[in-house]
Amino acid sequence: MSTKHRISSVTPTSLLEDIRQKLIDRIWLGIFVIALIGTPASVSRALSTGWLGLYTFHSLLAIGVIAIFLFRGKLPFAFKGECCSLCSMPLVPLVLSRLVCWAPGFGGW
């Protein structure tokens, strides 16, 4: 009897694709956790301010994040990446505004 040597089907391209998939799934895990914590915290402010349109937006955004997280295995990488960039867009002005506040001169002052 002869033993057959199996040639591994791992190529650099498939390895890179696997790393990209794992990375985007971990990013979505982080967004999911933030949505689970942040949405109830945001909506709880309705007790003191009344229901505002912003709370509806936060709730709908959280529902979308939860849906994408739950179905992330069936969604294509490009879709998950685009949705991830859309979810992180509001963070850019927030981070930049904090940098300007803490580092005068950065904003051209």
PDB file of N, CA and C in Angstrom:
ATOM      1  N   MET A   1       0.825  -1.168   0.000  1.00  0.00           N
ATOM      2  CA  MET A   1       0.000   0.000   0.000  1.00  0.00           C
ATOM      3  C   MET A   1       0.872   1.235   0.000  1.00  0.00           C
ATOM      4  N   SER A   2       0.442   2.166  -0.760  1.00  0.00           N
ATOM      5  CA  SER A   2       1.185   3.430  -0.804  1.00  0.00           C
ATOM      6  C   SER A   2       0.373   4.520  -0.116  1.00  0.00           C
ATOM      7  N   THR A   3       1.089   5.393   0.480  1.00  0.00           N
ATOM      8  CA  THR A   3       0.409   6.510   1.136  1.00  0.00           C
ATOM      9  C   THR A   3       0.457   7.702   0.209  1.00  0.00           C
ATOM     10  N   LYS A   4      -0.637   8.351   0.136  1.00  0.00           N
ATOM     11  CA  LYS A   4      -0.704   9.540  -0.713  1.00  0.00           C
ATOM     12  C   LYS A   4      -0.441  10.767   0.133  1.00  0.00           C
ATOM     13  N   HIS A   5       0.380  11.624  -0.409  1.00  0.00           N
ATOM     14  CA  HIS A   5       0.656  12.887   0.263  1.00  0.00           C
ATOM     15  C   HIS A   5      -0.351  13.915  -0.224  1.00  0.00           C
ATOM     16  N   ARG A   6      -0.999  14.506   0.695  1.00  0.00           N
ATOM     17  CA  ARG A   6      -1.953  15.547   0.338  1.00  0.00           C
ATOM     18  C   ARG A   6      -1.228  16.877   0.216  1.00  0.00           C
ATOM     19  N   ILE A   7      -1.525  17.546  -0.836  1.00  0.00           N
ATOM     20  CA  ILE A   7      -0.971  18.876  -1.026  1.00  0.00           C
ATOM     21  C   ILE A   7      -1.935  19.854  -0.373  1.00  0.00           C
ATOM     22  N   SER A   8      -1.401  20.664   0.476  1.00  0.00           N
ATOM     23  CA  SER A   8      -2.236  21.620   1.192  1.00  0.00           C
ATOM     24  C   SER A   8      -2.818  22.631   0.215  1.00  0.00           C
ATOM     25  N   SER A   9      -4.076  22.932   0.392  1.00  0.00           N
ATOM     26  CA  SER A   9      -4.741  23.886  -0.493  1.00  0.00           C
ATOM     27  C   SER A   9      -4.641  25.305   0.049  1.00  0.00           C
ATOM     28  N   VAL A  10      -3.790  25.506   1.038  1.00  0.00           N
ATOM     29  CA  VAL A  10      -3.621  26.838   1.601  1.00  0.00           C
ATOM     30  C   VAL A  10      -2.652  27.619   0.716  1.00  0.00           C
ATOM     31  N   THR A  11      -3.196  28.634   0.113  1.00  0.00           N
ATOM     32  CA  THR A  11      -2.384  29.525  -0.708  1.00  0.00           C
ATOM     33  C   THR A  11      -2.298  30.863   0.000  1.00  0.00           C
ATOM     34  N   PRO A  12      -1.335  31.686  -0.356  1.00  0.00           N
ATOM     35  CA  PRO A  12      -1.262  33.009   0.271  1.00  0.00           C
ATOM     36  C   PRO A  12      -2.542  33.822   0.096  1.00  0.00           C
ATOM     37  N   THR A  13      -3.189  33.673  -1.040  1.00  0.00           N
ATOM     38  CA  THR A  13      -4.422  34.416  -1.285  1.00  0.00           C
ATOM     39  C   THR A  13      -5.540  33.941  -0.362  1.00  0.00           C
ATOM     40  N   SER A  14      -5.682  32.622  -0.211  1.00  0.00           N
ATOM     41  CA  SER A  14      -6.742  32.111   0.669  1.00  0.00           C
ATOM     42  C   SER A  14      -6.431  32.414   2.128  1.00  0.00           C
ATOM     43  N   LEU A  15      -5.156  32.418   2.494  1.00  0.00           N
ATOM     44  CA  LEU A  15      -4.768  32.760   3.850  1.00  0.00           C
ATOM     45  C   LEU A  15      -5.079  34.227   4.143  1.00  0.00           C
ATOM     46  N   LEU A  16      -4.795  35.107   3.196  1.00  0.00           N
ATOM     47  CA  LEU A  16      -5.094  36.527   3.351  1.00  0.00           C
ATOM     48  C   LEU A  16      -6.599  36.753   3.445  1.00  0.00           C
ATOM     49  N   GLU A  17      -7.362  36.051   2.634  1.00  0.00           N
ATOM     50  CA  GLU A  17      -8.825  36.172   2.675  1.00  0.00           C
ATOM     51  C   GLU A  17      -9.369  35.714   4.027  1.00  0.00           C
ATOM     52  N   ASP A  18      -8.806  34.650   4.567  1.00  0.00           N
ATOM     53  CA  ASP A  18      -9.233  34.157   5.873  1.00  0.00           C
ATOM     54  C   ASP A  18      -8.912  35.173   6.972  1.00  0.00           C
ATOM     55  N   ILE A  19      -7.748  35.787   6.904  1.00  0.00           N
ATOM     56  CA  ILE A  19      -7.367  36.803   7.885  1.00  0.00           C
ATOM     57  C   ILE A  19      -8.297  38.006   7.785  1.00  0.00           C
ATOM     58  N   ARG A  20      -8.630  38.425   6.571  1.00  0.00           N
ATOM     59  CA  ARG A  20      -9.537  39.561   6.379  1.00  0.00           C
ATOM     60  C   ARG A  20     -10.918  39.263   6.939  1.00  0.00           C
ATOM     61  N   GLN A  21     -11.415  38.046   6.718  1.00  0.00           N
ATOM     62  CA  GLN A  21     -12.727  37.665   7.237  1.00  0.00           C
ATOM     63  C   GLN A  21     -12.732  37.676   8.766  1.00  0.00           C
ATOM     64  N   LYS A  22     -11.678  37.137   9.365  1.00  0.00           N
ATOM     65  CA  LYS A  22     -11.605  37.110  10.828  1.00  0.00           C
ATOM     66  C   LYS A  22     -11.506  38.523  11.392  1.00  0.00           C
ATOM     67  N   LEU A  23     -10.757  39.393  10.728  1.00  0.00           N
ATOM     68  CA  LEU A  23     -10.604  40.767  11.186  1.00  0.00           C
ATOM     69  C   LEU A  23     -11.928  41.516  11.144  1.00  0.00           C
ATOM     70  N   ILE A  24     -12.644  41.408  10.032  1.00  0.00           N
ATOM     71  CA  ILE A  24     -13.913  42.132   9.925  1.00  0.00           C
ATOM     72  C   ILE A  24     -14.942  41.562  10.897  1.00  0.00           C
ATOM     73  N   ASP A  25     -14.890  40.248  11.159  1.00  0.00           N
ATOM     74  CA  ASP A  25     -15.806  39.664  12.138  1.00  0.00           C
ATOM     75  C   ASP A  25     -15.498  40.153  13.554  1.00  0.00           C
ATOM     76  N   ARG A  26     -14.235  40.351  13.868  1.00  0.00           N
ATOM     77  CA  ARG A  26     -13.880  40.886  15.193  1.00  0.00           C
ATOM     78  C   ARG A  26     -14.287  42.349  15.320  1.00  0.00           C
ATOM     79  N   ILE A  27     -14.158  43.093  14.251  1.00  0.00           N
ATOM     80  CA  ILE A  27     -14.610  44.487  14.277  1.00  0.00           C
ATOM     81  C   ILE A  27     -16.111  44.527  14.513  1.00  0.00           C
ATOM     82  N   TRP A  28     -16.862  43.655  13.841  1.00  0.00           N
ATOM     83  CA  TRP A  28     -18.312  43.610  14.031  1.00  0.00           C
ATOM     84  C   TRP A  28     -18.675  43.160  15.435  1.00  0.00           C
ATOM     85  N   LEU A  29     -17.866  42.308  16.037  1.00  0.00           N
ATOM     86  CA  LEU A  29     -18.106  41.927  17.426  1.00  0.00           C
ATOM     87  C   LEU A  29     -17.992  43.155  18.332  1.00  0.00           C
ATOM     88  N   GLY A  30     -16.988  43.975  18.095  1.00  0.00           N
ATOM     89  CA  GLY A  30     -16.831  45.199  18.882  1.00  0.00           C
ATOM     90  C   GLY A  30     -17.980  46.164  18.689  1.00  0.00           C
ATOM     91  N   ILE A  31     -18.412  46.343  17.443  1.00  0.00           N
ATOM     92  CA  ILE A  31     -19.546  47.228  17.166  1.00  0.00           C
ATOM     93  C   ILE A  31     -20.816  46.673  17.820  1.00  0.00           C
ATOM     94  N   PHE A  32     -20.969  45.357  17.789  1.00  0.00           N
ATOM     95  CA  PHE A  32     -22.124  44.702  18.404  1.00  0.00           C
ATOM     96  C   PHE A  32     -22.161  44.962  19.910  1.00  0.00           C
ATOM     97  N   VAL A  33     -21.025  44.826  20.575  1.00  0.00           N
ATOM     98  CA  VAL A  33     -20.955  45.055  22.022  1.00  0.00           C
ATOM     99  C   VAL A  33     -21.267  46.513  22.342  1.00  0.00           C
ATOM    100  N   ILE A  34     -20.711  47.432  21.541  1.00  0.00           N
ATOM    101  CA  ILE A  34     -20.991  48.856  21.754  1.00  0.00           C
ATOM    102  C   ILE A  34     -22.475  49.140  21.566  1.00  0.00           C
ATOM    103  N   ALA A  35     -23.097  48.526  20.574  1.00  0.00           N
ATOM    104  CA  ALA A  35     -24.529  48.728  20.352  1.00  0.00           C
ATOM    105  C   ALA A  35     -25.358  48.170  21.498  1.00  0.00           C
ATOM    106  N   LEU A  36     -24.948  47.022  22.036  1.00  0.00           N
ATOM    107  CA  LEU A  36     -25.695  46.433  23.151  1.00  0.00           C
ATOM    108  C   LEU A  36     -25.596  47.272  24.420  1.00  0.00           C
ATOM    109  N   ILE A  37     -24.486  47.954  24.602  1.00  0.00           N
ATOM    110  CA  ILE A  37     -24.310  48.788  25.789  1.00  0.00           C
ATOM    111  C   ILE A  37     -24.823  50.208  25.540  1.00  0.00           C
ATOM    112  N   GLY A  38     -24.496  50.764  24.387  1.00  0.00           N
ATOM    113  CA  GLY A  38     -24.788  52.163  24.112  1.00  0.00           C
ATOM    114  C   GLY A  38     -26.246  52.473  23.844  1.00  0.00           C
ATOM    115  N   THR A  39     -26.939  51.588  23.171  1.00  0.00           N
ATOM    116  CA  THR A  39     -28.337  51.870  22.825  1.00  0.00           C
ATOM    117  C   THR A  39     -29.228  51.963  24.064  1.00  0.00           C
ATOM    118  N   PRO A  40     -29.187  51.000  24.981  1.00  0.00           N
ATOM    119  CA  PRO A  40     -30.004  51.171  26.187  1.00  0.00           C
ATOM    120  C   PRO A  40     -29.604  52.405  27.003  1.00  0.00           C
ATOM    121  N   ALA A  41     -28.307  52.722  27.025  1.00  0.00           N
ATOM    122  CA  ALA A  41     -27.863  53.922  27.747  1.00  0.00           C
ATOM    123  C   ALA A  41     -28.425  55.176  27.099  1.00  0.00           C
ATOM    124  N   SER A  42     -28.437  55.205  25.778  1.00  0.00           N
ATOM    125  CA  SER A  42     -28.968  56.366  25.074  1.00  0.00           C
ATOM    126  C   SER A  42     -30.472  56.485  25.252  1.00  0.00           C
ATOM    127  N   VAL A  43     -31.167  55.381  25.100  1.00  0.00           N
ATOM    128  CA  VAL A  43     -32.625  55.398  25.193  1.00  0.00           C
ATOM    129  C   VAL A  43     -33.086  55.678  26.625  1.00  0.00           C
ATOM    130  N   SER A  44     -32.281  55.320  27.609  1.00  0.00           N
ATOM    131  CA  SER A  44     -32.665  55.576  29.001  1.00  0.00           C
ATOM    132  C   SER A  44     -32.759  57.068  29.301  1.00  0.00           C
ATOM    133  N   ARG A  45     -32.123  57.891  28.499  1.00  0.00           N
ATOM    134  CA  ARG A  45     -32.229  59.340  28.687  1.00  0.00           C
ATOM    135  C   ARG A  45     -33.642  59.837  28.394  1.00  0.00           C
ATOM    136  N   ALA A  46     -34.438  59.029  27.726  1.00  0.00           N
ATOM    137  CA  ALA A  46     -35.813  59.425  27.416  1.00  0.00           C
ATOM    138  C   ALA A  46     -36.639  59.621  28.682  1.00  0.00           C
ATOM    139  N   LEU A  47     -36.228  59.023  29.773  1.00  0.00           N
ATOM    140  CA  LEU A  47     -36.948  59.208  31.033  1.00  0.00           C
ATOM    141  C   LEU A  47     -36.886  60.657  31.505  1.00  0.00           C
ATOM    142  N   SER A  48     -35.768  61.329  31.197  1.00  0.00           N
ATOM    143  CA  SER A  48     -35.639  62.714  31.655  1.00  0.00           C
ATOM    144  C   SER A  48     -35.912  63.738  30.557  1.00  0.00           C
ATOM    145  N   THR A  49     -35.757  63.360  29.298  1.00  0.00           N
ATOM    146  CA  THR A  49     -35.918  64.339  28.211  1.00  0.00           C
ATOM    147  C   THR A  49     -37.156  64.114  27.374  1.00  0.00           C
ATOM    148  N   GLY A  50     -37.808  62.977  27.531  1.00  0.00           N
ATOM    149  CA  GLY A  50     -38.888  62.626  26.620  1.00  0.00           C
ATOM    150  C   GLY A  50     -38.292  61.957  25.395  1.00  0.00           C
ATOM    151  N   TRP A  51     -39.132  61.338  24.610  1.00  0.00           N
ATOM    152  CA  TRP A  51     -38.641  60.605  23.438  1.00  0.00           C
ATOM    153  C   TRP A  51     -38.268  61.585  22.330  1.00  0.00           C
ATOM    154  N   LEU A  52     -37.045  61.503  21.869  1.00  0.00           N
ATOM    155  CA  LEU A  52     -36.557  62.344  20.782  1.00  0.00           C
ATOM    156  C   LEU A  52     -36.299  61.483  19.553  1.00  0.00           C
ATOM    157  N   GLY A  53     -36.237  62.119  18.407  1.00  0.00           N
ATOM    158  CA  GLY A  53     -35.963  61.397  17.168  1.00  0.00           C
ATOM    159  C   GLY A  53     -34.613  60.703  17.190  1.00  0.00           C
ATOM    160  N   LEU A  54     -33.681  61.254  17.943  1.00  0.00           N
ATOM    161  CA  LEU A  54     -32.351  60.654  18.053  1.00  0.00           C
ATOM    162  C   LEU A  54     -32.417  59.256  18.645  1.00  0.00           C
ATOM    163  N   TYR A  55     -33.317  59.046  19.583  1.00  0.00           N
ATOM    164  CA  TYR A  55     -33.437  57.729  20.202  1.00  0.00           C
ATOM    165  C   TYR A  55     -33.992  56.704  19.214  1.00  0.00           C
ATOM    166  N   THR A  56     -34.867  57.157  18.336  1.00  0.00           N
ATOM    167  CA  THR A  56     -35.365  56.275  17.282  1.00  0.00           C
ATOM    168  C   THR A  56     -34.221  55.883  16.358  1.00  0.00           C
ATOM    169  N   PHE A  57     -33.400  56.873  15.989  1.00  0.00           N
ATOM    170  CA  PHE A  57     -32.238  56.597  15.130  1.00  0.00           C
ATOM    171  C   PHE A  57     -31.293  55.608  15.800  1.00  0.00           C
ATOM    172  N   HIS A  58     -30.989  55.812  17.082  1.00  0.00           N
ATOM    173  CA  HIS A  58     -30.094  54.894  17.795  1.00  0.00           C
ATOM    174  C   HIS A  58     -30.674  53.484  17.843  1.00  0.00           C
ATOM    175  N   SER A  59     -31.978  53.391  18.066  1.00  0.00           N
ATOM    176  CA  SER A  59     -32.620  52.075  18.129  1.00  0.00           C
ATOM    177  C   SER A  59     -32.563  51.360  16.779  1.00  0.00           C
ATOM    178  N   LEU A  60     -32.850  52.089  15.703  1.00  0.00           N
ATOM    179  CA  LEU A  60     -32.803  51.481  14.363  1.00  0.00           C
ATOM    180  C   LEU A  60     -31.385  51.089  13.986  1.00  0.00           C
ATOM    181  N   LEU A  61     -30.423  51.927  14.344  1.00  0.00           N
ATOM    182  CA  LEU A  61     -29.028  51.601  14.070  1.00  0.00           C
ATOM    183  C   LEU A  61     -28.609  50.340  14.822  1.00  0.00           C
ATOM    184  N   ALA A  62     -29.033  50.224  16.071  1.00  0.00           N
ATOM    185  CA  ALA A  62     -28.703  49.031  16.860  1.00  0.00           C
ATOM    186  C   ALA A  62     -29.341  47.779  16.268  1.00  0.00           C
ATOM    187  N   ILE A  63     -30.573  47.890  15.800  1.00  0.00           N
ATOM    188  CA  ILE A  63     -31.228  46.741  15.161  1.00  0.00           C
ATOM    189  C   ILE A  63     -30.455  46.314  13.915  1.00  0.00           C
ATOM    190  N   GLY A  64     -30.003  47.282  13.136  1.00  0.00           N
ATOM    191  CA  GLY A  64     -29.198  46.967  11.952  1.00  0.00           C
ATOM    192  C   GLY A  64     -27.874  46.310  12.307  1.00  0.00           C
ATOM    193  N   VAL A  65     -27.205  46.820  13.329  1.00  0.00           N
ATOM    194  CA  VAL A  65     -25.929  46.237  13.767  1.00  0.00           C
ATOM    195  C   VAL A  65     -26.137  44.814  14.262  1.00  0.00           C
ATOM    196  N   ILE A  66     -27.187  44.591  15.029  1.00  0.00           N
ATOM    197  CA  ILE A  66     -27.456  43.247  15.547  1.00  0.00           C
ATOM    198  C   ILE A  66     -27.771  42.286  14.400  1.00  0.00           C
ATOM    199  N   ALA A  67     -28.533  42.749  13.417  1.00  0.00           N
ATOM    200  CA  ALA A  67     -28.855  41.889  12.266  1.00  0.00           C
ATOM    201  C   ALA A  67     -27.603  41.530  11.484  1.00  0.00           C
ATOM    202  N   ILE A  68     -26.742  42.510  11.240  1.00  0.00           N
ATOM    203  CA  ILE A  68     -25.504  42.225  10.502  1.00  0.00           C
ATOM    204  C   ILE A  68     -24.620  41.285  11.303  1.00  0.00           C
ATOM    205  N   PHE A  69     -24.544  41.484  12.613  1.00  0.00           N
ATOM    206  CA  PHE A  69     -23.711  40.607  13.431  1.00  0.00           C
ATOM    207  C   PHE A  69     -24.232  39.171  13.412  1.00  0.00           C
ATOM    208  N   LEU A  70     -25.551  39.012  13.521  1.00  0.00           N
ATOM    209  CA  LEU A  70     -26.112  37.661  13.557  1.00  0.00           C
ATOM    210  C   LEU A  70     -25.955  36.927  12.225  1.00  0.00           C
ATOM    211  N   PHE A  71     -26.019  37.670  11.105  1.00  0.00           N
ATOM    212  CA  PHE A  71     -25.918  37.044   9.786  1.00  0.00           C
ATOM    213  C   PHE A  71     -24.564  37.272   9.135  1.00  0.00           C
ATOM    214  N   ARG A  72     -23.535  37.593   9.908  1.00  0.00           N
ATOM    215  CA  ARG A  72     -22.226  37.925   9.348  1.00  0.00           C
ATOM    216  C   ARG A  72     -21.592  36.770   8.591  1.00  0.00           C
ATOM    217  N   GLY A  73     -21.923  35.538   8.943  1.00  0.00           N
ATOM    218  CA  GLY A  73     -21.358  34.388   8.246  1.00  0.00           C
ATOM    219  C   GLY A  73     -21.900  34.227   6.837  1.00  0.00           C
ATOM    220  N   LYS A  74     -23.084  34.772   6.585  1.00  0.00           N
ATOM    221  CA  LYS A  74     -23.716  34.620   5.271  1.00  0.00           C
ATOM    222  C   LYS A  74     -23.525  35.846   4.385  1.00  0.00           C
ATOM    223  N   LEU A  75     -23.032  36.931   4.967  1.00  0.00           N
ATOM    224  CA  LEU A  75     -22.866  38.165   4.202  1.00  0.00           C
ATOM    225  C   LEU A  75     -21.499  38.214   3.538  1.00  0.00           C
ATOM    226  N   PRO A  76     -21.416  38.782   2.343  1.00  0.00           N
ATOM    227  CA  PRO A  76     -20.112  38.884   1.683  1.00  0.00           C
ATOM    228  C   PRO A  76     -19.207  39.895   2.390  1.00  0.00           C
ATOM    229  N   PHE A  77     -17.925  39.695   2.229  1.00  0.00           N
ATOM    230  CA  PHE A  77     -16.923  40.538   2.889  1.00  0.00           C
ATOM    231  C   PHE A  77     -17.091  42.009   2.521  1.00  0.00           C
ATOM    232  N   ALA A  78     -17.338  42.289   1.251  1.00  0.00           N
ATOM    233  CA  ALA A  78     -17.449  43.676   0.800  1.00  0.00           C
ATOM    234  C   ALA A  78     -18.603  44.388   1.493  1.00  0.00           C
ATOM    235  N   PHE A  79     -19.728  43.718   1.644  1.00  0.00           N
ATOM    236  CA  PHE A  79     -20.882  44.323   2.314  1.00  0.00           C
ATOM    237  C   PHE A  79     -20.572  44.610   3.782  1.00  0.00           C
ATOM    238  N   LYS A  80     -19.956  43.642   4.459  1.00  0.00           N
ATOM    239  CA  LYS A  80     -19.616  43.838   5.865  1.00  0.00           C
ATOM    240  C   LYS A  80     -18.612  44.974   6.031  1.00  0.00           C
ATOM    241  N   GLY A  81     -17.668  45.074   5.107  1.00  0.00           N
ATOM    242  CA  GLY A  81     -16.675  46.142   5.176  1.00  0.00           C
ATOM    243  C   GLY A  81     -17.279  47.516   4.959  1.00  0.00           C
ATOM    244  N   GLU A  82     -18.178  47.624   3.989  1.00  0.00           N
ATOM    245  CA  GLU A  82     -18.833  48.909   3.725  1.00  0.00           C
ATOM    246  C   GLU A  82     -19.718  49.327   4.888  1.00  0.00           C
ATOM    247  N   CYS A  83     -20.466  48.395   5.440  1.00  0.00           N
ATOM    248  CA  CYS A  83     -21.318  48.722   6.587  1.00  0.00           C
ATOM    249  C   CYS A  83     -20.474  49.102   7.800  1.00  0.00           C
ATOM    250  N   CYS A  84     -19.330  48.454   7.950  1.00  0.00           N
ATOM    251  CA  CYS A  84     -18.435  48.779   9.057  1.00  0.00           C
ATOM    252  C   CYS A  84     -17.905  50.200   8.914  1.00  0.00           C
ATOM    253  N   SER A  85     -17.547  50.591   7.701  1.00  0.00           N
ATOM    254  CA  SER A  85     -17.051  51.952   7.503  1.00  0.00           C
ATOM    255  C   SER A  85     -18.160  52.972   7.709  1.00  0.00           C
ATOM    256  N   LEU A  86     -19.406  52.637   7.348  1.00  0.00           N
ATOM    257  CA  LEU A  86     -20.526  53.548   7.589  1.00  0.00           C
ATOM    258  C   LEU A  86     -20.796  53.705   9.080  1.00  0.00           C
ATOM    259  N   CYS A  87     -20.638  52.626   9.839  1.00  0.00           N
ATOM    260  CA  CYS A  87     -20.860  52.706  11.286  1.00  0.00           C
ATOM    261  C   CYS A  87     -19.759  53.496  11.989  1.00  0.00           C
ATOM    262  N   SER A  88     -18.558  53.470  11.437  1.00  0.00           N
ATOM    263  CA  SER A  88     -17.458  54.173  12.096  1.00  0.00           C
ATOM    264  C   SER A  88     -17.315  55.613  11.635  1.00  0.00           C
ATOM    265  N   MET A  89     -18.047  56.038  10.597  1.00  0.00           N
ATOM    266  CA  MET A  89     -17.943  57.417  10.126  1.00  0.00           C
ATOM    267  C   MET A  89     -18.257  58.463  11.195  1.00  0.00           C
ATOM    268  N   PRO A  90     -19.277  58.276  12.028  1.00  0.00           N
ATOM    269  CA  PRO A  90     -19.535  59.289  13.055  1.00  0.00           C
ATOM    270  C   PRO A  90     -18.405  59.426  14.070  1.00  0.00           C
ATOM    271  N   LEU A  91     -17.539  58.422  14.167  1.00  0.00           N
ATOM    272  CA  LEU A  91     -16.439  58.503  15.123  1.00  0.00           C
ATOM    273  C   LEU A  91     -15.342  59.464  14.682  1.00  0.00           C
ATOM    274  N   VAL A  92     -15.196  59.668  13.386  1.00  0.00           N
ATOM    275  CA  VAL A  92     -14.116  60.516  12.883  1.00  0.00           C
ATOM    276  C   VAL A  92     -14.253  61.952  13.387  1.00  0.00           C
ATOM    277  N   PRO A  93     -15.411  62.614  13.227  1.00  0.00           N
ATOM    278  CA  PRO A  93     -15.515  63.975  13.763  1.00  0.00           C
ATOM    279  C   PRO A  93     -15.359  64.022  15.281  1.00  0.00           C
ATOM    280  N   LEU A  94     -15.846  62.987  15.965  1.00  0.00           N
ATOM    281  CA  LEU A  94     -15.715  62.955  17.412  1.00  0.00           C
ATOM    282  C   LEU A  94     -14.243  62.910  17.829  1.00  0.00           C
ATOM    283  N   VAL A  95     -13.481  62.038  17.202  1.00  0.00           N
ATOM    284  CA  VAL A  95     -12.057  61.913  17.527  1.00  0.00           C
ATOM    285  C   VAL A  95     -11.316  63.197  17.160  1.00  0.00           C
ATOM    286  N   LEU A  96     -11.613  63.748  15.991  1.00  0.00           N
ATOM    287  CA  LEU A  96     -10.934  64.979  15.582  1.00  0.00           C
ATOM    288  C   LEU A  96     -11.278  66.145  16.502  1.00  0.00           C
ATOM    289  N   SER A  97     -12.520  66.239  16.934  1.00  0.00           N
ATOM    290  CA  SER A  97     -12.890  67.330  17.834  1.00  0.00           C
ATOM    291  C   SER A  97     -12.179  67.187  19.173  1.00  0.00           C
ATOM    292  N   ARG A  98     -11.995  65.971  19.635  1.00  0.00           N
ATOM    293  CA  ARG A  98     -11.260  65.756  20.888  1.00  0.00           C
ATOM    294  C   ARG A  98      -9.788  66.112  20.721  1.00  0.00           C
ATOM    295  N   LEU A  99      -9.220  65.806  19.581  1.00  0.00           N
ATOM    296  CA  LEU A  99      -7.826  66.162  19.337  1.00  0.00           C
ATOM    297  C   LEU A  99      -7.648  67.677  19.319  1.00  0.00           C
ATOM    298  N   VAL A 100      -8.584  68.378  18.703  1.00  0.00           N
ATOM    299  CA  VAL A 100      -8.492  69.830  18.636  1.00  0.00           C
ATOM    300  C   VAL A 100      -8.617  70.425  20.035  1.00  0.00           C
ATOM    301  N   CYS A 101      -9.494  69.852  20.853  1.00  0.00           N
ATOM    302  CA  CYS A 101      -9.657  70.365  22.211  1.00  0.00           C
ATOM    303  C   CYS A 101      -8.412  70.146  23.072  1.00  0.00           C
ATOM    304  N   TRP A 102      -7.772  69.013  22.893  1.00  0.00           N
ATOM    305  CA  TRP A 102      -6.630  68.668  23.732  1.00  0.00           C
ATOM    306  C   TRP A 102      -5.306  69.127  23.170  1.00  0.00           C
ATOM    307  N   ALA A 103      -5.240  69.441  21.900  1.00  0.00           N
ATOM    308  CA  ALA A 103      -3.986  69.863  21.287  1.00  0.00           C
ATOM    309  C   ALA A 103      -4.187  71.158  20.508  1.00  0.00           C
ATOM    310  N   PRO A 104      -4.181  72.309  21.198  1.00  0.00           N
ATOM    311  CA  PRO A 104      -4.330  73.560  20.464  1.00  0.00           C
ATOM    312  C   PRO A 104      -3.226  73.704  19.429  1.00  0.00           C
ATOM    313  N   GLY A 105      -3.577  74.224  18.308  1.00  0.00           N
ATOM    314  CA  GLY A 105      -2.632  74.316  17.210  1.00  0.00           C
ATOM    315  C   GLY A 105      -2.900  73.267  16.155  1.00  0.00           C
ATOM    316  N   PHE A 106      -3.479  72.138  16.565  1.00  0.00           N
ATOM    317  CA  PHE A 106      -3.810  71.093  15.610  1.00  0.00           C
ATOM    318  C   PHE A 106      -4.910  71.554  14.669  1.00  0.00           C
ATOM    319  N   GLY A 107      -5.841  72.314  15.207  1.00  0.00           N
ATOM    320  CA  GLY A 107      -6.962  72.805  14.399  1.00  0.00           C
ATOM    321  C   GLY A 107      -6.667  74.104  13.703  1.00  0.00           C
ATOM    322  N   GLY A 108      -5.432  74.571  13.735  1.00  0.00           N
ATOM    323  CA  GLY A 108      -5.059  75.807  13.057  1.00  0.00           C
ATOM    324  C   GLY A 108      -5.269  77.049  13.913  1.00  0.00           C
ATOM    325  N   TRP A 109      -5.393  76.868  15.229  1.00  0.00           N
ATOM    326  CA  TRP A 109      -5.599  78.021  16.110  1.00  0.00           C
ATOM    327  C   TRP A 109      -4.288  78.601  16.529  1.00  0.00           C
TER     328      TRP A 109
END
